[in-house]
Amino acid sequence: MIDKNKVQDVDVKSVFSVCVPIQWGDMDALGHLNNIFYFRYMEEARIKWLQSLGERIDNSTRGPVLFDAHCVYYKPVVYPATLRIELSSEPPRRSNFNLVYDMHCVEKEELVAQGKTKIVWVDYTRMKSVSLPDRLKSLLI
């Protein structure tokens, strides 16, 4: 299990929380939440967090690119249910940062999965990494 206060001995900072109701169509043939939807819910939480900071997620010249993503599944989730996704950030580097996602089933009040993504800030025109915006970096420290 990923320790919510440390990830591989790195301190993490809580940055955002969002609740996402799962849909009937998100279930797989075995009757539980299909694994791909955990990644979609992590994406939804990440985008909502960036938008809450005023970051533009559109055709701007610089912004976030998902570099790496993984998820560990602890308990199955079945419809109907709501997931509370709590985002935490590891200390940022020059052009990237890691987000940790604790996914809780609200109804059962239990941790059902944990994910982690690496986000790289990129100049879309040159397709090269660039320094994180100072405002974003200061929020992650």
N, C-alpha and C. Protein backbone atom coordinates (compact mmCIF):
# COMPACT_ATOMS: atom_id res chain seq x y z
N MET A 1 0.84 -1.18 0.00
CA MET A 1 0.00 0.00 0.00
C MET A 1 0.89 1.24 0.00
N ILE A 2 0.48 2.25 -0.74
CA ILE A 2 1.20 3.51 -0.78
C ILE A 2 0.84 4.31 0.46
N ASP A 3 1.84 4.69 1.25
CA ASP A 3 1.61 5.51 2.43
C ASP A 3 1.16 6.89 1.97
N LYS A 4 -0.01 7.35 2.45
CA LYS A 4 -0.54 8.63 1.96
C LYS A 4 0.30 9.83 2.35
N ASN A 5 1.21 9.68 3.29
CA ASN A 5 2.09 10.79 3.67
C ASN A 5 3.49 10.68 3.07
N LYS A 6 3.84 9.51 2.59
CA LYS A 6 5.16 9.31 1.97
C LYS A 6 4.99 8.36 0.80
N VAL A 7 5.68 8.64 -0.27
CA VAL A 7 5.72 7.75 -1.42
C VAL A 7 7.19 7.52 -1.70
N GLN A 8 7.63 6.27 -1.49
CA GLN A 8 9.04 5.93 -1.66
C GLN A 8 9.91 6.93 -0.88
N ASP A 9 9.57 7.16 0.39
CA ASP A 9 10.31 8.04 1.29
C ASP A 9 10.38 9.49 0.82
N VAL A 10 9.39 9.93 0.06
CA VAL A 10 9.31 11.32 -0.38
C VAL A 10 8.05 11.92 0.25
N ASP A 11 8.19 13.06 0.90
CA ASP A 11 7.03 13.72 1.49
C ASP A 11 6.06 14.15 0.39
N VAL A 12 4.78 14.02 0.67
CA VAL A 12 3.76 14.47 -0.27
C VAL A 12 2.91 15.54 0.38
N LYS A 13 2.31 16.39 -0.44
CA LYS A 13 1.48 17.49 0.03
C LYS A 13 0.09 17.32 -0.56
N SER A 14 -0.93 17.31 0.29
CA SER A 14 -2.31 17.23 -0.18
C SER A 14 -2.65 18.49 -0.95
N VAL A 15 -3.24 18.32 -2.16
CA VAL A 15 -3.52 19.49 -2.98
C VAL A 15 -4.97 19.63 -3.43
N PHE A 16 -5.76 18.53 -3.46
CA PHE A 16 -7.10 18.64 -4.03
C PHE A 16 -7.89 17.38 -3.72
N SER A 17 -9.22 17.50 -3.70
CA SER A 17 -10.10 16.35 -3.51
C SER A 17 -11.35 16.57 -4.35
N VAL A 18 -11.86 15.49 -4.95
CA VAL A 18 -13.07 15.57 -5.77
C VAL A 18 -13.82 14.24 -5.66
N CYS A 19 -15.15 14.31 -5.72
CA CYS A 19 -15.97 13.10 -5.72
C CYS A 19 -16.51 12.86 -7.13
N VAL A 20 -16.46 11.59 -7.54
CA VAL A 20 -16.90 11.21 -8.89
C VAL A 20 -17.87 10.03 -8.76
N PRO A 21 -19.14 10.21 -9.16
CA PRO A 21 -20.06 9.06 -9.14
C PRO A 21 -19.73 8.13 -10.31
N ILE A 22 -19.68 6.83 -10.04
CA ILE A 22 -19.42 5.90 -11.13
C ILE A 22 -20.72 5.65 -11.89
N GLN A 23 -20.59 5.29 -13.14
CA GLN A 23 -21.74 5.05 -14.01
C GLN A 23 -21.94 3.55 -14.23
N TRP A 24 -23.16 3.14 -14.51
CA TRP A 24 -23.46 1.74 -14.77
C TRP A 24 -22.58 1.19 -15.91
N GLY A 25 -22.37 1.99 -16.93
CA GLY A 25 -21.58 1.55 -18.08
C GLY A 25 -20.09 1.43 -17.80
N ASP A 26 -19.65 1.84 -16.60
CA ASP A 26 -18.24 1.73 -16.23
C ASP A 26 -17.89 0.34 -15.69
N MET A 27 -18.91 -0.52 -15.54
CA MET A 27 -18.69 -1.87 -15.00
C MET A 27 -18.17 -2.79 -16.11
N ASP A 28 -17.43 -3.82 -15.70
CA ASP A 28 -16.96 -4.81 -16.66
C ASP A 28 -17.84 -6.06 -16.58
N ALA A 29 -17.49 -7.09 -17.31
CA ALA A 29 -18.31 -8.31 -17.37
C ALA A 29 -18.39 -9.02 -16.02
N LEU A 30 -17.46 -8.76 -15.13
CA LEU A 30 -17.48 -9.38 -13.80
C LEU A 30 -18.29 -8.57 -12.79
N GLY A 31 -18.85 -7.44 -13.22
CA GLY A 31 -19.72 -6.66 -12.35
C GLY A 31 -19.02 -5.66 -11.45
N HIS A 32 -17.75 -5.38 -11.73
CA HIS A 32 -17.09 -4.33 -10.94
C HIS A 32 -16.46 -3.31 -11.87
N LEU A 33 -16.03 -2.20 -11.27
CA LEU A 33 -15.49 -1.09 -12.04
C LEU A 33 -14.32 -1.55 -12.90
N ASN A 34 -14.42 -1.31 -14.20
CA ASN A 34 -13.37 -1.69 -15.14
C ASN A 34 -12.11 -0.91 -14.85
N ASN A 35 -10.96 -1.57 -14.96
CA ASN A 35 -9.69 -0.94 -14.56
C ASN A 35 -9.39 0.35 -15.32
N ILE A 36 -9.79 0.48 -16.56
CA ILE A 36 -9.48 1.69 -17.33
C ILE A 36 -10.15 2.93 -16.72
N PHE A 37 -11.28 2.75 -16.05
CA PHE A 37 -11.99 3.90 -15.50
C PHE A 37 -11.26 4.52 -14.31
N TYR A 38 -10.45 3.76 -13.60
CA TYR A 38 -9.64 4.36 -12.55
C TYR A 38 -8.72 5.42 -13.15
N PHE A 39 -8.16 5.13 -14.32
CA PHE A 39 -7.28 6.09 -14.99
C PHE A 39 -8.08 7.30 -15.49
N ARG A 40 -9.29 7.06 -15.97
CA ARG A 40 -10.13 8.19 -16.40
C ARG A 40 -10.51 9.06 -15.22
N TYR A 41 -10.79 8.46 -14.07
CA TYR A 41 -11.14 9.24 -12.89
C TYR A 41 -9.93 10.01 -12.37
N MET A 42 -8.74 9.41 -12.45
CA MET A 42 -7.53 10.15 -12.08
C MET A 42 -7.35 11.34 -13.01
N GLU A 43 -7.59 11.14 -14.30
CA GLU A 43 -7.49 12.24 -15.26
C GLU A 43 -8.49 13.34 -14.94
N GLU A 44 -9.71 12.97 -14.64
CA GLU A 44 -10.75 13.95 -14.30
C GLU A 44 -10.33 14.77 -13.08
N ALA A 45 -9.83 14.10 -12.05
CA ALA A 45 -9.39 14.81 -10.85
C ALA A 45 -8.23 15.75 -11.17
N ARG A 46 -7.29 15.27 -11.96
CA ARG A 46 -6.12 16.08 -12.33
C ARG A 46 -6.53 17.33 -13.11
N ILE A 47 -7.43 17.18 -14.08
CA ILE A 47 -7.89 18.31 -14.89
C ILE A 47 -8.67 19.30 -14.03
N LYS A 48 -9.56 18.80 -13.18
CA LYS A 48 -10.32 19.70 -12.30
C LYS A 48 -9.39 20.47 -11.37
N TRP A 49 -8.35 19.81 -10.86
CA TRP A 49 -7.39 20.48 -9.99
C TRP A 49 -6.65 21.58 -10.76
N LEU A 50 -6.14 21.25 -11.95
CA LEU A 50 -5.42 22.26 -12.74
C LEU A 50 -6.33 23.43 -13.10
N GLN A 51 -7.59 23.15 -13.45
CA GLN A 51 -8.52 24.23 -13.76
C GLN A 51 -8.80 25.08 -12.53
N SER A 52 -8.87 24.45 -11.35
CA SER A 52 -9.11 25.22 -10.13
C SER A 52 -7.96 26.18 -9.83
N LEU A 53 -6.78 25.89 -10.38
CA LEU A 53 -5.61 26.75 -10.21
C LEU A 53 -5.54 27.84 -11.27
N GLY A 54 -6.47 27.77 -12.22
CA GLY A 54 -6.46 28.75 -13.30
C GLY A 54 -5.58 28.36 -14.47
N GLU A 55 -5.09 27.12 -14.47
CA GLU A 55 -4.27 26.66 -15.60
C GLU A 55 -5.19 26.36 -16.78
N ARG A 56 -4.77 26.80 -17.94
CA ARG A 56 -5.56 26.57 -19.15
C ARG A 56 -5.24 25.19 -19.72
N ILE A 57 -6.27 24.45 -20.00
CA ILE A 57 -6.12 23.13 -20.62
C ILE A 57 -6.74 23.25 -22.01
N ASP A 58 -6.00 23.87 -22.89
CA ASP A 58 -6.52 24.10 -24.24
C ASP A 58 -5.36 24.21 -25.22
N ASN A 59 -5.47 25.08 -26.17
CA ASN A 59 -4.45 25.21 -27.20
C ASN A 59 -3.37 26.22 -26.85
N SER A 60 -3.08 26.39 -25.57
CA SER A 60 -2.01 27.30 -25.20
C SER A 60 -0.67 26.71 -25.65
N THR A 61 0.39 27.47 -25.54
CA THR A 61 1.68 27.02 -26.05
C THR A 61 2.44 26.12 -25.08
N ARG A 62 2.08 26.18 -23.79
CA ARG A 62 2.76 25.35 -22.78
C ARG A 62 1.74 24.75 -21.84
N GLY A 63 2.07 23.56 -21.36
CA GLY A 63 1.15 22.94 -20.42
C GLY A 63 1.56 21.53 -20.06
N PRO A 64 0.66 20.82 -19.39
CA PRO A 64 0.97 19.50 -18.86
C PRO A 64 0.86 18.39 -19.90
N VAL A 65 1.76 17.41 -19.77
CA VAL A 65 1.70 16.18 -20.56
C VAL A 65 1.87 15.03 -19.59
N LEU A 66 1.01 14.03 -19.72
CA LEU A 66 1.12 12.84 -18.88
C LEU A 66 2.29 12.00 -19.38
N PHE A 67 3.26 11.76 -18.51
CA PHE A 67 4.46 11.03 -18.88
C PHE A 67 4.37 9.56 -18.46
N ASP A 68 3.78 9.31 -17.28
CA ASP A 68 3.72 7.96 -16.74
C ASP A 68 2.50 7.85 -15.84
N ALA A 69 1.87 6.68 -15.80
CA ALA A 69 0.72 6.46 -14.93
C ALA A 69 0.65 5.00 -14.50
N HIS A 70 0.31 4.80 -13.25
CA HIS A 70 0.04 3.43 -12.80
C HIS A 70 -0.97 3.45 -11.66
N CYS A 71 -1.54 2.27 -11.39
CA CYS A 71 -2.58 2.16 -10.38
C CYS A 71 -2.48 0.81 -9.70
N VAL A 72 -2.72 0.80 -8.39
CA VAL A 72 -2.78 -0.42 -7.60
C VAL A 72 -4.22 -0.54 -7.11
N TYR A 73 -4.83 -1.71 -7.34
CA TYR A 73 -6.23 -1.94 -7.00
C TYR A 73 -6.30 -2.78 -5.72
N TYR A 74 -7.02 -2.28 -4.71
CA TYR A 74 -7.11 -2.99 -3.45
C TYR A 74 -8.44 -3.72 -3.26
N LYS A 75 -9.53 -3.06 -3.65
CA LYS A 75 -10.87 -3.65 -3.45
C LYS A 75 -11.72 -3.36 -4.67
N PRO A 76 -12.58 -4.28 -5.06
CA PRO A 76 -13.47 -4.00 -6.20
C PRO A 76 -14.51 -2.94 -5.84
N VAL A 77 -14.91 -2.17 -6.83
CA VAL A 77 -15.96 -1.16 -6.67
C VAL A 77 -17.12 -1.59 -7.55
N VAL A 78 -18.33 -1.59 -6.98
CA VAL A 78 -19.52 -1.99 -7.75
C VAL A 78 -20.54 -0.86 -7.74
N TYR A 79 -21.31 -0.80 -8.80
CA TYR A 79 -22.35 0.21 -8.96
C TYR A 79 -23.49 -0.10 -8.01
N PRO A 80 -24.13 0.89 -7.41
CA PRO A 80 -23.83 2.32 -7.42
C PRO A 80 -22.77 2.65 -6.38
N ALA A 81 -21.93 3.60 -6.70
CA ALA A 81 -20.89 4.03 -5.76
C ALA A 81 -20.35 5.39 -6.20
N THR A 82 -19.72 6.05 -5.27
CA THR A 82 -19.04 7.32 -5.53
C THR A 82 -17.61 7.18 -5.04
N LEU A 83 -16.67 7.61 -5.88
CA LEU A 83 -15.27 7.61 -5.47
C LEU A 83 -14.87 9.02 -5.05
N ARG A 84 -14.20 9.13 -3.91
CA ARG A 84 -13.56 10.37 -3.51
C ARG A 84 -12.09 10.22 -3.85
N ILE A 85 -11.60 11.11 -4.70
CA ILE A 85 -10.21 11.03 -5.13
C ILE A 85 -9.45 12.18 -4.48
N GLU A 86 -8.47 11.83 -3.68
CA GLU A 86 -7.64 12.81 -2.99
C GLU A 86 -6.30 12.87 -3.68
N LEU A 87 -5.93 14.05 -4.18
CA LEU A 87 -4.66 14.25 -4.86
C LEU A 87 -3.63 14.78 -3.88
N SER A 88 -2.45 14.24 -3.98
CA SER A 88 -1.29 14.73 -3.25
C SER A 88 -0.15 14.87 -4.24
N SER A 89 0.77 15.77 -3.95
CA SER A 89 1.89 16.00 -4.84
C SER A 89 3.20 15.78 -4.12
N GLU A 90 4.13 15.15 -4.82
CA GLU A 90 5.50 15.09 -4.32
C GLU A 90 6.16 16.43 -4.64
N PRO A 91 7.26 16.75 -3.98
CA PRO A 91 7.95 18.01 -4.30
C PRO A 91 8.27 18.08 -5.79
N PRO A 92 8.05 19.24 -6.40
CA PRO A 92 8.27 19.37 -7.84
C PRO A 92 9.75 19.40 -8.19
N ARG A 93 10.02 19.06 -9.43
CA ARG A 93 11.36 19.20 -9.99
C ARG A 93 11.31 20.38 -10.96
N ARG A 94 12.32 20.57 -11.75
CA ARG A 94 12.37 21.71 -12.67
C ARG A 94 11.18 21.73 -13.62
N SER A 95 10.90 20.62 -14.27
CA SER A 95 9.86 20.62 -15.30
C SER A 95 8.77 19.58 -15.05
N ASN A 96 8.80 18.90 -13.91
CA ASN A 96 7.80 17.84 -13.69
C ASN A 96 7.48 17.67 -12.22
N PHE A 97 6.42 16.94 -11.98
CA PHE A 97 6.01 16.60 -10.62
C PHE A 97 5.19 15.33 -10.67
N ASN A 98 5.13 14.64 -9.54
CA ASN A 98 4.33 13.43 -9.43
C ASN A 98 3.09 13.73 -8.61
N LEU A 99 1.96 13.18 -9.06
CA LEU A 99 0.72 13.25 -8.30
C LEU A 99 0.37 11.85 -7.80
N VAL A 100 -0.10 11.78 -6.56
CA VAL A 100 -0.56 10.53 -5.96
C VAL A 100 -2.07 10.65 -5.78
N TYR A 101 -2.80 9.60 -6.12
CA TYR A 101 -4.26 9.60 -6.07
C TYR A 101 -4.73 8.52 -5.10
N ASP A 102 -5.34 8.92 -3.99
CA ASP A 102 -5.98 7.98 -3.08
C ASP A 102 -7.45 7.93 -3.46
N MET A 103 -7.93 6.75 -3.85
CA MET A 103 -9.32 6.61 -4.28
C MET A 103 -10.10 5.83 -3.23
N HIS A 104 -11.10 6.50 -2.66
CA HIS A 104 -11.90 5.93 -1.59
C HIS A 104 -13.33 5.73 -2.08
N CYS A 105 -13.92 4.60 -1.72
CA CYS A 105 -15.35 4.40 -1.95
C CYS A 105 -16.06 5.13 -0.82
N VAL A 106 -16.85 6.14 -1.18
CA VAL A 106 -17.51 6.96 -0.18
C VAL A 106 -18.48 6.14 0.67
N GLU A 107 -19.25 5.30 0.02
CA GLU A 107 -20.28 4.53 0.73
C GLU A 107 -19.69 3.56 1.75
N LYS A 108 -18.57 2.94 1.43
CA LYS A 108 -17.96 1.97 2.35
C LYS A 108 -16.85 2.58 3.20
N GLU A 109 -16.53 3.85 2.92
CA GLU A 109 -15.48 4.55 3.66
C GLU A 109 -14.19 3.74 3.69
N GLU A 110 -13.76 3.27 2.50
CA GLU A 110 -12.52 2.50 2.44
C GLU A 110 -11.69 2.86 1.22
N LEU A 111 -10.39 2.70 1.37
CA LEU A 111 -9.46 2.93 0.27
C LEU A 111 -9.58 1.76 -0.70
N VAL A 112 -9.88 2.05 -1.97
CA VAL A 112 -10.07 0.98 -2.95
C VAL A 112 -8.95 0.90 -3.97
N ALA A 113 -8.23 2.00 -4.19
CA ALA A 113 -7.14 2.00 -5.15
C ALA A 113 -6.24 3.21 -4.91
N GLN A 114 -5.00 3.10 -5.39
CA GLN A 114 -4.08 4.23 -5.35
C GLN A 114 -3.34 4.30 -6.67
N GLY A 115 -3.20 5.50 -7.15
CA GLY A 115 -2.50 5.70 -8.42
C GLY A 115 -1.41 6.73 -8.27
N LYS A 116 -0.58 6.80 -9.30
CA LYS A 116 0.49 7.78 -9.33
C LYS A 116 0.75 8.15 -10.78
N THR A 117 0.92 9.46 -11.04
CA THR A 117 1.25 9.91 -12.38
C THR A 117 2.42 10.88 -12.32
N LYS A 118 3.18 10.92 -13.39
CA LYS A 118 4.23 11.91 -13.56
C LYS A 118 3.75 12.87 -14.63
N ILE A 119 3.75 14.16 -14.30
CA ILE A 119 3.31 15.21 -15.21
C ILE A 119 4.53 16.04 -15.60
N VAL A 120 4.72 16.24 -16.88
CA VAL A 120 5.83 17.04 -17.39
C VAL A 120 5.26 18.28 -18.06
N TRP A 121 5.82 19.45 -17.74
CA TRP A 121 5.40 20.70 -18.38
C TRP A 121 6.16 20.83 -19.69
N VAL A 122 5.43 21.05 -20.79
CA VAL A 122 6.01 20.97 -22.13
C VAL A 122 5.66 22.21 -22.94
N ASP A 123 6.62 22.64 -23.75
CA ASP A 123 6.37 23.63 -24.80
C ASP A 123 5.82 22.83 -25.97
N TYR A 124 4.52 23.01 -26.26
CA TYR A 124 3.86 22.19 -27.28
C TYR A 124 4.40 22.42 -28.68
N THR A 125 4.89 23.61 -28.95
CA THR A 125 5.41 23.92 -30.27
C THR A 125 6.71 23.17 -30.53
N ARG A 126 7.61 23.21 -29.54
CA ARG A 126 8.91 22.55 -29.69
C ARG A 126 8.90 21.11 -29.20
N MET A 127 7.85 20.72 -28.48
CA MET A 127 7.74 19.39 -27.87
C MET A 127 8.96 19.08 -27.00
N LYS A 128 9.29 20.06 -26.15
CA LYS A 128 10.40 19.92 -25.20
C LYS A 128 9.92 20.35 -23.83
N SER A 129 10.49 19.74 -22.81
CA SER A 129 10.11 20.13 -21.45
C SER A 129 10.60 21.54 -21.15
N VAL A 130 9.82 22.23 -20.33
CA VAL A 130 10.15 23.59 -19.89
C VAL A 130 9.93 23.66 -18.38
N SER A 131 10.45 24.70 -17.77
CA SER A 131 10.27 24.88 -16.33
C SER A 131 8.79 25.00 -15.98
N LEU A 132 8.43 24.44 -14.84
CA LEU A 132 7.07 24.60 -14.34
C LEU A 132 6.79 26.08 -14.11
N PRO A 133 5.54 26.51 -14.31
CA PRO A 133 5.20 27.89 -13.97
C PRO A 133 5.50 28.14 -12.48
N ASP A 134 6.06 29.30 -12.17
CA ASP A 134 6.43 29.62 -10.79
C ASP A 134 5.26 29.49 -9.84
N ARG A 135 4.09 29.93 -10.26
CA ARG A 135 2.91 29.87 -9.39
C ARG A 135 2.56 28.42 -9.04
N LEU A 136 2.61 27.55 -10.03
CA LEU A 136 2.32 26.13 -9.79
C LEU A 136 3.40 25.51 -8.90
N LYS A 137 4.64 25.80 -9.20
CA LYS A 137 5.73 25.24 -8.40
C LYS A 137 5.61 25.66 -6.95
N SER A 138 5.26 26.92 -6.69
CA SER A 138 5.15 27.40 -5.30
C SER A 138 4.02 26.71 -4.56
N LEU A 139 2.96 26.30 -5.25
CA LEU A 139 1.86 25.58 -4.62
C LEU A 139 2.22 24.14 -4.26
N LEU A 140 3.20 23.58 -4.96
CA LEU A 140 3.58 22.19 -4.77
C LEU A 140 4.71 21.99 -3.76
N ILE A 141 5.35 23.08 -3.38
CA ILE A 141 6.48 22.97 -2.44
C ILE A 141 5.98 22.80 -1.03
